[in-house]
Amino acid sequence: MGDAFDNGLHYLRKALENLAKPPSEQCDVMGDYNVAWELRDDVLSHIRLLEVTDCQLNEEQGQGIFRVGNMLRALDPKLLALANTRAANIAAMTDTSWAPIRREAAALLLLLPSSSFGAVEN
């Protein structure tokens, strides 16, 4: 894989891993600050990065990325409002809109190749 693609894939996988976590773990990982917006932005920005690299994904992987991106773009903007307390972030992340997105992110992780970016060579 090319360096730019491998880098983008590595960070997309990390963002998807966070997106697939349960709400309380998402809030922990994101530091209880604006979790909904930050998670959405992380995934979408890494999707955009992959779009401008020499894409090396198959059709099924590409469709999975497209589905997750569309689901995130379709979120009610009220869910993305600034939240800076644990209670507000948990409330936003436990909205039923997130459940199918979490499932889709978990399914996409199974489809995507692993990244060698940052791997230590022996």
Protein backbone atom coordinates (compact mmCIF):
# COMPACT_ATOMS: atom_id res chain seq x y z
CA MET A 1 0.00 0.00 0.00
CA GLY A 2 1.09 3.57 -0.59
CA ASP A 3 2.21 5.62 2.40
CA ALA A 4 -0.60 8.19 2.15
CA PHE A 5 -3.25 5.50 1.79
CA ASP A 6 -1.79 3.39 4.61
CA ASN A 7 -1.63 6.43 6.88
CA GLY A 8 -5.23 7.37 6.07
CA LEU A 9 -6.42 3.80 6.60
CA HIS A 10 -4.64 3.58 9.94
CA TYR A 11 -6.33 6.70 11.29
CA LEU A 12 -9.71 5.80 9.79
CA ARG A 13 -9.54 2.43 11.58
CA LYS A 14 -8.71 4.18 14.88
CA ALA A 15 -11.64 6.58 14.41
CA LEU A 16 -13.99 3.69 13.52
CA GLU A 17 -12.82 1.75 16.59
CA ASN A 18 -13.83 4.73 18.74
CA LEU A 19 -17.12 5.10 16.87
CA ALA A 20 -17.95 1.41 17.46
CA LYS A 21 -17.42 1.63 21.25
CA PRO A 22 -20.29 1.90 23.75
CA PRO A 23 -21.27 5.48 24.73
CA SER A 24 -19.42 5.58 28.06
CA GLU A 25 -16.19 4.36 26.43
CA GLN A 26 -16.60 6.89 23.63
CA CYS A 27 -16.88 9.64 26.20
CA ASP A 28 -13.80 8.36 28.05
CA VAL A 29 -11.71 8.21 24.86
CA MET A 30 -12.80 11.66 23.73
CA GLY A 31 -12.29 13.26 27.16
CA ASP A 32 -15.97 14.10 27.69
CA TYR A 33 -15.69 17.11 25.42
CA ASN A 34 -18.02 17.50 22.45
CA VAL A 35 -17.92 13.75 21.85
CA ALA A 36 -20.60 13.51 19.16
CA TRP A 37 -19.12 16.25 17.00
CA GLU A 38 -15.53 15.09 17.52
CA LEU A 39 -16.27 11.44 16.66
CA ARG A 40 -18.25 12.44 13.58
CA ASP A 41 -15.56 14.85 12.44
CA ASP A 42 -12.73 12.34 13.03
CA VAL A 43 -14.35 9.66 10.89
CA LEU A 44 -15.46 12.02 8.12
CA SER A 45 -12.06 13.73 7.90
CA HIS A 46 -10.30 10.38 7.50
CA ILE A 47 -12.83 9.28 4.90
CA ARG A 48 -12.04 12.47 2.96
CA LEU A 49 -8.32 11.74 3.26
CA LEU A 50 -8.81 8.29 1.73
CA GLU A 51 -10.87 9.82 -1.07
CA VAL A 52 -7.91 11.91 -2.22
CA THR A 53 -5.30 9.15 -2.04
CA ASP A 54 -4.74 6.30 -4.45
CA CYS A 55 -7.69 4.29 -3.12
CA GLN A 56 -6.88 0.63 -2.79
CA LEU A 57 -10.19 -0.64 -1.45
CA ASN A 58 -12.55 -3.11 -3.04
CA GLU A 59 -16.18 -2.31 -3.85
CA GLU A 60 -17.56 -3.78 -0.62
CA GLN A 61 -15.10 -1.77 1.50
CA GLY A 62 -15.85 1.41 -0.44
CA GLN A 63 -19.59 0.91 -0.03
CA GLY A 64 -19.13 0.37 3.72
CA ILE A 65 -17.20 3.63 4.02
CA PHE A 66 -19.87 5.38 1.95
CA ARG A 67 -22.64 4.04 4.25
CA VAL A 68 -20.89 5.12 7.46
CA GLY A 69 -20.16 8.55 6.00
CA ASN A 70 -23.76 9.03 4.90
CA MET A 71 -25.09 7.89 8.29
CA LEU A 72 -22.86 10.40 10.06
CA ARG A 73 -23.81 13.22 7.68
CA ALA A 74 -27.51 12.46 8.29
CA LEU A 75 -27.30 12.86 12.08
CA ASP A 76 -29.62 15.43 13.59
CA PRO A 77 -27.54 18.58 14.13
CA LYS A 78 -29.02 18.84 17.64
CA LEU A 79 -27.01 15.73 18.56
CA LEU A 80 -23.82 17.52 17.55
CA ALA A 81 -24.33 20.54 19.78
CA LEU A 82 -21.49 21.54 22.07
CA ALA A 83 -21.36 19.30 25.13
CA ASN A 84 -18.68 19.73 27.77
CA THR A 85 -19.97 17.65 30.68
CA ARG A 86 -20.10 13.90 31.12
CA ALA A 87 -23.89 13.98 31.48
CA ALA A 88 -24.40 15.99 28.28
CA ASN A 89 -22.04 13.78 26.29
CA ILE A 90 -23.59 10.55 27.57
CA ALA A 91 -27.04 11.92 26.72
CA ALA A 92 -25.95 12.74 23.17
CA MET A 93 -24.16 9.43 22.62
CA THR A 94 -27.00 7.28 23.98
CA ASP A 95 -29.47 8.70 21.47
CA THR A 96 -30.91 5.86 19.39
CA SER A 97 -29.52 7.42 16.19
CA TRP A 98 -26.03 6.22 17.15
CA ALA A 99 -26.83 2.49 17.54
CA PRO A 100 -26.96 1.65 13.80
CA ILE A 101 -23.88 3.78 13.21
CA ARG A 102 -21.95 1.85 15.87
CA ARG A 103 -23.02 -1.45 14.27
CA GLU A 104 -22.03 -0.26 10.81
CA ALA A 105 -18.65 0.98 12.06
CA ALA A 106 -17.98 -2.40 13.71
CA ALA A 107 -18.95 -4.23 10.52
CA LEU A 108 -16.73 -1.95 8.43
CA LEU A 109 -13.74 -2.65 10.66
CA LEU A 110 -14.09 -6.34 9.79
CA LEU A 111 -13.99 -5.50 6.07
CA LEU A 112 -11.06 -3.10 6.05
CA PRO A 113 -7.49 -4.34 5.73
CA SER A 114 -5.23 -3.78 8.68
CA SER A 115 -2.71 -1.01 8.39
CA SER A 116 1.03 -1.37 8.71
CA PHE A 117 1.42 2.35 9.42
CA GLY A 118 3.38 2.81 12.60
CA ALA A 119 4.27 -0.88 12.80
CA VAL A 120 7.70 -1.69 14.11
CA GLU A 121 9.79 -3.70 11.70
CA ASN A 122 12.15 -6.34 13.05
